[in-house]
Every structure is written in structure tokens, then in C-alpha cells.
Amino acid sequence: MAVSLLAVFLAAGDLRAGEPIDTDGPDFVESSEVVGKGRFQFEANIASERDRRDGIRRTTTSTPTLLRFGVTDTVEIRLETEGRIQVSNQATGSEASSSEVGNADYALGVKWHSQDRNSAVTIPAVSWIVHFDTPTGSKSFKGHGTRPSLRSVLTWDLPDGLALGLMPGLRYDATPDGHRFVSTTFGAVLSRRWSEHFRTFMESAAPQIASNRDGGVLMSWTFGAAYLLTNDWQIGVRQARAANRNTPNSQLLFELAGRY
């Protein structure tokens, strides 16, 4: 039954499709494009993160989700969350374990596509994304106060099906005890389109660059792929490996994206 319903949605979506869907995931570096006026797009993920530090084996599973709606041809509004989170902790050499389950905060945002790309003169596509993370999650996963962030995405088309994307950003964050601080974000991705339906990518992803007091630098190397099922449906995967000792060891993410 579920397979039949999915087939119907895919077929209906393909009839409405124009340009192929352009998603912010599964890459860490987001897209410089918006969904288009009157279009709705969702990007639903299942993520698993594993970490072994300080004698603790920690496994975190979550359901990151991004909802996007086009207000104009260059502006979209967004709702984003890490979704349902479960964290399991087990001391090395011990069978005793503990776990916490709850919901993550929601973030409201706006994305503005400010410049189209022109590969003939190496002009990148440019977008700006403003988000406000709100303290709406469960007690164990709720952030402190509203945390605004600003990031820009720049994308260049290169020869041989290659594309380069950069994503610098700033975030006004808070520690659990209420201490406020400013951190930066940076990502760089090189992707290769092998066909109309299939692409792969490699990234350097730093979701947080801050002082040691404020959590330090979180950085990983990632690689992944995305496959277009139809112009309106895409599946993708991303694998991440820690680039320093301050970052969880590994993460695996699967994504399903659809557009209406």
C-alpha cells in the first residue's frame, strides 16, 4: 500500500515538474536556489551520530526536517528542526546505559536568492539565509533564548559537470547556563554531476567555530550522493567523519525530498 501511494505521488509530481528539484541537503552546504513562487518543498532526514570520547559511547538518532515555501520567485520562508531526538550513553566497559528522548527546537527563517549565476564570466549564484532558533524543544534539548543566525551561499558552475559551493555564516548562540557568544560557520563543497539524475559531493563542514569556552571548533569531512527519482523527488545520503577531537566521530544521514 505504501509503495503504491509513493508511486502515485511520484507520477503526479512529475506531471507538475519544471526544473529538477534543488535541495539544501543532503549536503551540509545548502543550495543557493529557492523553491519558486507558490511551491512547497520538504526535506526529511534520518540521522545517526556516533561518538566515543571521555570513556562514553554516545549514539544520537534524530529526524532533521526542513520545510520550504516560495513567497516570490526569489524569497522563501522556512521551518527547520532536528525533529525527534534520542541520545543513548554507555560507559566503556560497562553494560549500564542511560538514554534521553525528546523534541528539538524549531527554527523560523527566510531565504533570499539575490543573484543568478553566470558561468561564462564566473559569477556565482548568491543567496542569504536568516534563521531564528527558538526555545521550543523538550526540556533536555531546549536551547536558551532565541538564537539568530545569518549565512550566505555562493555557488559556481565549473567545467566537466563540477560545481563549487561556499557557505560562510554567523550565529548568536547561548550555552545552557545562558552565556551568550558569537560563533562562525563555514562549509565548502565540491560536487560532480555524473548524469541528469545522479551527483556526488565532498565537503569540509564546520557548523561551529568558537572559543574553547563556548564549545570550540566542530569540523568534519563529509561525502555523499543524491539521486533524482523524478523532477520533484530526490533521495540522498551523507557520511561524515570527524576532522578534530572536539567533533563527534561519525554521522550517517539519509534524506527524502519532495516538491509540490
C-alpha atoms as a PDB file:
ATOM      1  CA  MET A   1       0.000   0.000   0.000  1.00  0.00           C
ATOM      2  CA  ALA A   2       2.746   2.456   0.982  1.00  0.00           C
ATOM      3  CA  VAL A   3       4.699   1.648  -2.192  1.00  0.00           C
ATOM      4  CA  SER A   4       1.579   2.237  -4.307  1.00  0.00           C
ATOM      5  CA  LEU A   5       0.920   5.611  -2.673  1.00  0.00           C
ATOM      6  CA  LEU A   6       4.535   6.672  -3.215  1.00  0.00           C
ATOM      7  CA  ALA A   7       4.283   5.694  -6.893  1.00  0.00           C
ATOM      8  CA  VAL A   8       1.129   7.838  -7.267  1.00  0.00           C
ATOM      9  CA  PHE A   9       2.825  10.839  -5.624  1.00  0.00           C
ATOM     10  CA  LEU A  10       5.881  10.447  -7.858  1.00  0.00           C
ATOM     11  CA  ALA A  11       3.797  10.282 -11.005  1.00  0.00           C
ATOM     12  CA  ALA A  12       1.664  13.281 -10.008  1.00  0.00           C
ATOM     13  CA  GLY A  13       4.724  15.290  -9.078  1.00  0.00           C
ATOM     14  CA  ASP A  14       6.403  14.581 -12.406  1.00  0.00           C
ATOM     15  CA  LEU A  15       3.406  15.986 -14.279  1.00  0.00           C
ATOM     16  CA  ARG A  16       3.796  19.316 -12.461  1.00  0.00           C
ATOM     17  CA  ALA A  17       7.568  19.426 -12.621  1.00  0.00           C
ATOM     18  CA  GLY A  18       9.532  22.094 -14.435  1.00  0.00           C
ATOM     19  CA  GLU A  19      13.177  22.378 -13.478  1.00  0.00           C
ATOM     20  CA  PRO A  20      14.545  19.497 -11.378  1.00  0.00           C
ATOM     21  CA  ILE A  21      14.210  19.898  -7.614  1.00  0.00           C
ATOM     22  CA  ASP A  22      17.119  21.771  -5.988  1.00  0.00           C
ATOM     23  CA  THR A  23      17.566  20.796  -2.339  1.00  0.00           C
ATOM     24  CA  ASP A  24      19.535  22.229   0.575  1.00  0.00           C
ATOM     25  CA  GLY A  25      20.538  18.674   1.537  1.00  0.00           C
ATOM     26  CA  PRO A  26      21.869  16.110   1.830  1.00  0.00           C
ATOM     27  CA  ASP A  27      24.971  18.353   1.689  1.00  0.00           C
ATOM     28  CA  PHE A  28      25.935  20.431   4.719  1.00  0.00           C
ATOM     29  CA  VAL A  29      26.449  23.398   2.366  1.00  0.00           C
ATOM     30  CA  GLU A  30      22.990  24.496   1.318  1.00  0.00           C
ATOM     31  CA  SER A  31      21.727  25.414  -2.148  1.00  0.00           C
ATOM     32  CA  SER A  32      21.881  28.961  -3.483  1.00  0.00           C
ATOM     33  CA  GLU A  33      18.449  28.491  -5.103  1.00  0.00           C
ATOM     34  CA  VAL A  34      14.929  28.945  -3.710  1.00  0.00           C
ATOM     35  CA  VAL A  35      11.868  26.778  -4.383  1.00  0.00           C
ATOM     36  CA  GLY A  36       9.932  29.276  -6.532  1.00  0.00           C
ATOM     37  CA  LYS A  37       6.707  31.194  -6.016  1.00  0.00           C
ATOM     38  CA  GLY A  38       3.846  29.073  -4.694  1.00  0.00           C
ATOM     39  CA  ARG A  39       5.924  25.892  -4.429  1.00  0.00           C
ATOM     40  CA  PHE A  40       6.199  23.823  -1.254  1.00  0.00           C
ATOM     41  CA  GLN A  41       9.196  21.582  -0.610  1.00  0.00           C
ATOM     42  CA  PHE A  42      10.091  19.261   2.247  1.00  0.00           C
ATOM     43  CA  GLU A  43      13.418  17.621   3.067  1.00  0.00           C
ATOM     44  CA  ALA A  44      13.010  14.828   5.632  1.00  0.00           C
ATOM     45  CA  ASN A  45      16.030  13.061   7.109  1.00  0.00           C
ATOM     46  CA  ILE A  46      17.003  10.242   9.410  1.00  0.00           C
ATOM     47  CA  ALA A  47      20.414  10.809  11.042  1.00  0.00           C
ATOM     48  CA  SER A  48      22.579   8.694  13.311  1.00  0.00           C
ATOM     49  CA  GLU A  49      25.628  10.103  15.116  1.00  0.00           C
ATOM     50  CA  ARG A  50      28.197   8.035  17.000  1.00  0.00           C
ATOM     51  CA  ASP A  51      30.759   9.393  19.441  1.00  0.00           C
ATOM     52  CA  ARG A  52      33.381   7.851  21.719  1.00  0.00           C
ATOM     53  CA  ARG A  53      35.014  10.415  23.985  1.00  0.00           C
ATOM     54  CA  ASP A  54      35.739  10.698  27.712  1.00  0.00           C
ATOM     55  CA  GLY A  55      35.044   6.990  28.235  1.00  0.00           C
ATOM     56  CA  ILE A  56      31.463   7.283  26.987  1.00  0.00           C
ATOM     57  CA  ARG A  57      29.924   5.715  23.912  1.00  0.00           C
ATOM     58  CA  ARG A  58      27.158   8.038  22.784  1.00  0.00           C
ATOM     59  CA  THR A  59      24.679   7.348  19.991  1.00  0.00           C
ATOM     60  CA  THR A  60      22.292  10.055  18.854  1.00  0.00           C
ATOM     61  CA  THR A  61      19.464   9.499  16.402  1.00  0.00           C
ATOM     62  CA  SER A  62      17.320  12.319  15.059  1.00  0.00           C
ATOM     63  CA  THR A  63      14.904  13.232  12.280  1.00  0.00           C
ATOM     64  CA  PRO A  64      16.087  16.581  10.840  1.00  0.00           C
ATOM     65  CA  THR A  65      13.362  18.196   8.736  1.00  0.00           C
ATOM     66  CA  LEU A  66      13.255  21.334   6.591  1.00  0.00           C
ATOM     67  CA  LEU A  67      10.018  22.796   5.189  1.00  0.00           C
ATOM     68  CA  ARG A  68      10.246  25.486   2.479  1.00  0.00           C
ATOM     69  CA  PHE A  69       7.558  27.616   0.825  1.00  0.00           C
ATOM     70  CA  GLY A  70       8.119  30.085  -2.008  1.00  0.00           C
ATOM     71  CA  VAL A  71       6.647  33.532  -1.349  1.00  0.00           C
ATOM     72  CA  THR A  72       8.091  35.022  -4.554  1.00  0.00           C
ATOM     73  CA  ASP A  73      10.469  33.767  -7.235  1.00  0.00           C
ATOM     74  CA  THR A  74      13.412  34.925  -5.093  1.00  0.00           C
ATOM     75  CA  VAL A  75      12.171  34.606  -1.482  1.00  0.00           C
ATOM     76  CA  GLU A  76      11.081  31.593   0.557  1.00  0.00           C
ATOM     77  CA  ILE A  77      10.038  31.104   4.173  1.00  0.00           C
ATOM     78  CA  ARG A  78      11.389  28.142   6.115  1.00  0.00           C
ATOM     79  CA  LEU A  79      10.703  25.977   9.162  1.00  0.00           C
ATOM     80  CA  GLU A  80      13.537  23.717  10.343  1.00  0.00           C
ATOM     81  CA  THR A  81      14.080  21.320  13.244  1.00  0.00           C
ATOM     82  CA  GLU A  82      16.285  18.414  14.270  1.00  0.00           C
ATOM     83  CA  GLY A  83      12.997  16.642  14.997  1.00  0.00           C
ATOM     84  CA  ARG A  84      12.710  13.750  17.402  1.00  0.00           C
ATOM     85  CA  ILE A  85      15.992  13.071  19.217  1.00  0.00           C
ATOM     86  CA  GLN A  86      17.162  10.063  21.197  1.00  0.00           C
ATOM     87  CA  VAL A  87      20.535  10.067  22.951  1.00  0.00           C
ATOM     88  CA  SER A  88      21.938   6.825  24.416  1.00  0.00           C
ATOM     89  CA  ASN A  89      25.028   6.841  26.661  1.00  0.00           C
ATOM     90  CA  GLN A  90      27.063   3.830  27.742  1.00  0.00           C
ATOM     91  CA  ALA A  91      30.285   3.882  29.743  1.00  0.00           C
ATOM     92  CA  THR A  92      33.133   1.969  28.097  1.00  0.00           C
ATOM     93  CA  GLY A  93      33.444  -1.497  29.640  1.00  0.00           C
ATOM     94  CA  SER A  94      30.052  -1.286  31.332  1.00  0.00           C
ATOM     95  CA  GLU A  95      26.678  -2.729  30.404  1.00  0.00           C
ATOM     96  CA  ALA A  96      24.822   0.059  32.211  1.00  0.00           C
ATOM     97  CA  SER A  97      23.359   2.694  29.915  1.00  0.00           C
ATOM     98  CA  SER A  98      21.090   5.712  30.004  1.00  0.00           C
ATOM     99  CA  SER A  99      19.015   7.461  27.377  1.00  0.00           C
ATOM    100  CA  GLU A 100      17.032  10.621  26.806  1.00  0.00           C
ATOM    101  CA  VAL A 101      14.264  11.171  24.269  1.00  0.00           C
ATOM    102  CA  GLY A 102      12.595  14.404  23.261  1.00  0.00           C
ATOM    103  CA  ASN A 103      11.958  17.020  20.607  1.00  0.00           C
ATOM    104  CA  ALA A 104      14.430  19.566  19.277  1.00  0.00           C
ATOM    105  CA  ASP A 105      13.874  23.314  18.928  1.00  0.00           C
ATOM    106  CA  TYR A 106      12.221  24.821  15.853  1.00  0.00           C
ATOM    107  CA  ALA A 107      13.874  27.481  13.703  1.00  0.00           C
ATOM    108  CA  LEU A 108      11.966  30.009  11.595  1.00  0.00           C
ATOM    109  CA  GLY A 109      13.744  31.561   8.658  1.00  0.00           C
ATOM    110  CA  VAL A 110      13.808  33.384   5.343  1.00  0.00           C
ATOM    111  CA  LYS A 111      15.970  32.694   2.298  1.00  0.00           C
ATOM    112  CA  TRP A 112      16.612  35.317  -0.402  1.00  0.00           C
ATOM    113  CA  HIS A 113      18.169  34.477  -3.756  1.00  0.00           C
ATOM    114  CA  SER A 114      19.936  37.747  -4.518  1.00  0.00           C
ATOM    115  CA  GLN A 115      21.997  36.902  -7.615  1.00  0.00           C
ATOM    116  CA  ASP A 116      21.809  34.448 -10.508  1.00  0.00           C
ATOM    117  CA  ARG A 117      24.905  32.598 -11.640  1.00  0.00           C
ATOM    118  CA  ASN A 118      26.667  33.299 -14.937  1.00  0.00           C
ATOM    119  CA  SER A 119      29.255  30.634 -15.645  1.00  0.00           C
ATOM    120  CA  ALA A 120      30.503  32.461 -18.766  1.00  0.00           C
ATOM    121  CA  VAL A 121      32.019  35.191 -16.590  1.00  0.00           C
ATOM    122  CA  THR A 122      32.435  33.100 -13.381  1.00  0.00           C
ATOM    123  CA  ILE A 123      29.701  34.968 -11.491  1.00  0.00           C
ATOM    124  CA  PRO A 124      28.278  32.783  -8.696  1.00  0.00           C
ATOM    125  CA  ALA A 125      24.678  32.374  -7.639  1.00  0.00           C
ATOM    126  CA  VAL A 126      24.220  34.013  -4.222  1.00  0.00           C
ATOM    127  CA  SER A 127      21.606  33.587  -1.514  1.00  0.00           C
ATOM    128  CA  TRP A 128      21.187  34.816   2.060  1.00  0.00           C
ATOM    129  CA  ILE A 129      19.550  32.809   4.846  1.00  0.00           C
ATOM    130  CA  VAL A 130      18.340  34.274   8.152  1.00  0.00           C
ATOM    131  CA  HIS A 131      17.157  31.869  10.855  1.00  0.00           C
ATOM    132  CA  PHE A 132      15.859  32.305  14.400  1.00  0.00           C
ATOM    133  CA  ASP A 133      16.196  29.207  16.576  1.00  0.00           C
ATOM    134  CA  THR A 134      13.507  29.301  19.253  1.00  0.00           C
ATOM    135  CA  PRO A 135      13.420  27.560  22.677  1.00  0.00           C
ATOM    136  CA  THR A 136      10.525  25.283  21.749  1.00  0.00           C
ATOM    137  CA  GLY A 137      12.014  21.829  22.308  1.00  0.00           C
ATOM    138  CA  SER A 138      11.747  19.349  25.170  1.00  0.00           C
ATOM    139  CA  LYS A 139      13.486  20.244  28.418  1.00  0.00           C
ATOM    140  CA  SER A 140      16.611  18.179  27.726  1.00  0.00           C
ATOM    141  CA  PHE A 141      17.054  19.582  24.203  1.00  0.00           C
ATOM    142  CA  LYS A 142      15.766  23.143  24.545  1.00  0.00           C
ATOM    143  CA  GLY A 143      18.177  25.947  23.753  1.00  0.00           C
ATOM    144  CA  HIS A 144      18.473  29.128  25.797  1.00  0.00           C
ATOM    145  CA  GLY A 145      16.514  32.043  24.341  1.00  0.00           C
ATOM    146  CA  THR A 146      16.188  32.949  20.659  1.00  0.00           C
ATOM    147  CA  ARG A 147      19.400  32.411  18.677  1.00  0.00           C
ATOM    148  CA  PRO A 148      19.598  34.298  15.361  1.00  0.00           C
ATOM    149  CA  SER A 149      21.933  33.280  12.554  1.00  0.00           C
ATOM    150  CA  LEU A 150      22.921  34.616   9.144  1.00  0.00           C
ATOM    151  CA  ARG A 151      24.652  32.693   6.389  1.00  0.00           C
ATOM    152  CA  SER A 152      25.324  33.182   2.716  1.00  0.00           C
ATOM    153  CA  VAL A 153      25.631  30.552  -0.006  1.00  0.00           C
ATOM    154  CA  LEU A 154      27.734  31.123  -3.127  1.00  0.00           C
ATOM    155  CA  THR A 155      27.744  28.563  -5.961  1.00  0.00           C
ATOM    156  CA  TRP A 156      29.947  28.476  -9.066  1.00  0.00           C
ATOM    157  CA  ASP A 157      29.398  26.207 -12.074  1.00  0.00           C
ATOM    158  CA  LEU A 158      32.693  24.674 -13.223  1.00  0.00           C
ATOM    159  CA  PRO A 159      33.658  22.638 -16.306  1.00  0.00           C
ATOM    160  CA  ASP A 160      33.022  18.869 -16.590  1.00  0.00           C
ATOM    161  CA  GLY A 161      29.851  18.868 -14.507  1.00  0.00           C
ATOM    162  CA  LEU A 162      31.587  20.229 -11.408  1.00  0.00           C
ATOM    163  CA  ALA A 163      30.203  22.870  -9.027  1.00  0.00           C
ATOM    164  CA  LEU A 164      31.801  24.672  -6.077  1.00  0.00           C
ATOM    165  CA  GLY A 165      29.780  25.949  -3.143  1.00  0.00           C
ATOM    166  CA  LEU A 166      30.839  28.059  -0.150  1.00  0.00           C
ATOM    167  CA  MET A 167      28.732  28.839   2.924  1.00  0.00           C
ATOM    168  CA  PRO A 168      30.085  31.332   5.486  1.00  0.00           C
ATOM    169  CA  GLY A 169      27.896  32.398   8.389  1.00  0.00           C
ATOM    170  CA  LEU A 170      27.483  33.975  11.816  1.00  0.00           C
ATOM    171  CA  ARG A 171      25.425  32.793  14.782  1.00  0.00           C
ATOM    172  CA  TYR A 172      24.494  34.476  18.069  1.00  0.00           C
ATOM    173  CA  ASP A 173      24.289  31.453  20.334  1.00  0.00           C
ATOM    174  CA  ALA A 174      23.947  30.624  24.035  1.00  0.00           C
ATOM    175  CA  THR A 175      25.305  27.980  26.393  1.00  0.00           C
ATOM    176  CA  PRO A 176      22.931  26.030  28.702  1.00  0.00           C
ATOM    177  CA  ASP A 177      23.763  28.422  31.568  1.00  0.00           C
ATOM    178  CA  GLY A 178      22.671  31.430  29.498  1.00  0.00           C
ATOM    179  CA  HIS A 179      26.098  32.745  28.462  1.00  0.00           C
ATOM    180  CA  ARG A 180      25.801  34.445  25.069  1.00  0.00           C
ATOM    181  CA  PHE A 181      28.508  34.225  22.408  1.00  0.00           C
ATOM    182  CA  VAL A 182      29.088  34.713  18.685  1.00  0.00           C
ATOM    183  CA  SER A 183      30.328  31.810  16.591  1.00  0.00           C
ATOM    184  CA  THR A 184      31.019  31.422  12.887  1.00  0.00           C
ATOM    185  CA  THR A 185      30.038  28.729  10.423  1.00  0.00           C
ATOM    186  CA  PHE A 186      31.799  27.658   7.262  1.00  0.00           C
ATOM    187  CA  GLY A 187      31.349  24.971   4.644  1.00  0.00           C
ATOM    188  CA  ALA A 188      32.895  24.211   1.261  1.00  0.00           C
ATOM    189  CA  VAL A 189      31.540  21.597  -1.137  1.00  0.00           C
ATOM    190  CA  LEU A 190      32.739  20.271  -4.483  1.00  0.00           C
ATOM    191  CA  SER A 191      30.068  18.321  -6.338  1.00  0.00           C
ATOM    192  CA  ARG A 192      30.102  16.378  -9.587  1.00  0.00           C
ATOM    193  CA  ARG A 193      27.042  15.683 -11.712  1.00  0.00           C
ATOM    194  CA  TRP A 194      27.543  12.355 -13.486  1.00  0.00           C
ATOM    195  CA  SER A 195      24.167  12.356 -15.239  1.00  0.00           C
ATOM    196  CA  GLU A 196      20.859  14.220 -15.216  1.00  0.00           C
ATOM    197  CA  HIS A 197      19.813  12.129 -12.218  1.00  0.00           C
ATOM    198  CA  PHE A 198      22.935  11.422 -10.179  1.00  0.00           C
ATOM    199  CA  ARG A 199      25.531  13.564  -8.415  1.00  0.00           C
ATOM    200  CA  THR A 200      28.176  13.062  -5.735  1.00  0.00           C
ATOM    201  CA  PHE A 201      29.874  15.539  -3.418  1.00  0.00           C
ATOM    202  CA  MET A 202      32.762  16.043  -0.983  1.00  0.00           C
ATOM    203  CA  GLU A 203      32.763  18.690   1.759  1.00  0.00           C
ATOM    204  CA  SER A 204      34.587  20.385   4.568  1.00  0.00           C
ATOM    205  CA  ALA A 205      31.915  21.241   7.144  1.00  0.00           C
ATOM    206  CA  ALA A 206      32.370  23.435  10.220  1.00  0.00           C
ATOM    207  CA  PRO A 207      28.962  24.078  11.827  1.00  0.00           C
ATOM    208  CA  GLN A 208      30.676  25.871  14.745  1.00  0.00           C
ATOM    209  CA  ILE A 209      33.903  27.843  15.027  1.00  0.00           C
ATOM    210  CA  ALA A 210      34.104  29.259  18.548  1.00  0.00           C
ATOM    211  CA  SER A 211      36.414  29.615  21.545  1.00  0.00           C
ATOM    212  CA  ASN A 212      37.059  26.571  23.740  1.00  0.00           C
ATOM    213  CA  ARG A 213      34.886  28.141  26.443  1.00  0.00           C
ATOM    214  CA  ASP A 214      31.954  28.197  24.050  1.00  0.00           C
ATOM    215  CA  GLY A 215      32.323  24.686  22.681  1.00  0.00           C
ATOM    216  CA  GLY A 216      35.327  25.064  20.403  1.00  0.00           C
ATOM    217  CA  VAL A 217      35.553  24.115  16.742  1.00  0.00           C
ATOM    218  CA  LEU A 218      33.293  21.403  15.353  1.00  0.00           C
ATOM    219  CA  MET A 219      34.568  20.206  11.965  1.00  0.00           C
ATOM    220  CA  SER A 220      34.126  17.145   9.795  1.00  0.00           C
ATOM    221  CA  TRP A 221      34.881  15.787   6.341  1.00  0.00           C
ATOM    222  CA  THR A 222      31.803  14.585   4.517  1.00  0.00           C
ATOM    223  CA  PHE A 223      30.944  12.818   1.293  1.00  0.00           C
ATOM    224  CA  GLY A 224      27.658  11.728  -0.199  1.00  0.00           C
ATOM    225  CA  ALA A 225      25.351  11.417  -3.175  1.00  0.00           C
ATOM    226  CA  ALA A 226      21.890  12.371  -4.403  1.00  0.00           C
ATOM    227  CA  TYR A 227      19.651  10.717  -6.978  1.00  0.00           C
ATOM    228  CA  LEU A 228      16.647  12.258  -8.762  1.00  0.00           C
ATOM    229  CA  LEU A 229      13.716   9.853  -8.838  1.00  0.00           C
ATOM    230  CA  THR A 230      11.691  12.400 -10.833  1.00  0.00           C
ATOM    231  CA  ASN A 231      11.989  16.150 -11.288  1.00  0.00           C
ATOM    232  CA  ASP A 232      10.090  16.596  -7.992  1.00  0.00           C
ATOM    233  CA  TRP A 233      11.520  13.783  -5.861  1.00  0.00           C
ATOM    234  CA  GLN A 234      15.054  13.058  -4.683  1.00  0.00           C
ATOM    235  CA  ILE A 235      16.821  10.680  -2.317  1.00  0.00           C
ATOM    236  CA  GLY A 236      20.253  11.333  -0.829  1.00  0.00           C
ATOM    237  CA  VAL A 237      22.848  10.151   1.659  1.00  0.00           C
ATOM    238  CA  ARG A 238      25.710  11.802   3.561  1.00  0.00           C
ATOM    239  CA  GLN A 239      28.521  10.280   5.614  1.00  0.00           C
ATOM    240  CA  ALA A 240      30.619  12.473   7.934  1.00  0.00           C
ATOM    241  CA  ARG A 241      33.921  11.799   9.716  1.00  0.00           C
ATOM    242  CA  ALA A 242      35.380  13.975  12.465  1.00  0.00           C
ATOM    243  CA  ALA A 243      38.226  16.286  11.430  1.00  0.00           C
ATOM    244  CA  ASN A 244      39.299  17.031  15.019  1.00  0.00           C
ATOM    245  CA  ARG A 245      38.968  15.556  18.510  1.00  0.00           C
ATOM    246  CA  ASN A 246      36.272  18.028  19.506  1.00  0.00           C
ATOM    247  CA  THR A 247      33.788  16.650  16.966  1.00  0.00           C
ATOM    248  CA  PRO A 248      31.623  13.510  17.266  1.00  0.00           C
ATOM    249  CA  ASN A 249      33.320  10.635  15.461  1.00  0.00           C
ATOM    250  CA  SER A 250      30.855   9.907  12.667  1.00  0.00           C
ATOM    251  CA  GLN A 251      27.406  10.646  11.267  1.00  0.00           C
ATOM    252  CA  LEU A 252      25.226   8.962   8.680  1.00  0.00           C
ATOM    253  CA  LEU A 253      22.215  10.737   7.158  1.00  0.00           C
ATOM    254  CA  PHE A 254      19.517   9.620   4.716  1.00  0.00           C
ATOM    255  CA  GLU A 255      17.202  12.119   3.027  1.00  0.00           C
ATOM    256  CA  LEU A 256      13.954  12.093   1.089  1.00  0.00           C
ATOM    257  CA  ALA A 257      12.956  15.377  -0.558  1.00  0.00           C
ATOM    258  CA  GLY A 258       9.740  16.204  -2.387  1.00  0.00           C
ATOM    259  CA  ARG A 259       8.259  19.284  -4.050  1.00  0.00           C
ATOM    260  CA  TYR A 260       4.648  20.292  -4.765  1.00  0.00           C
END
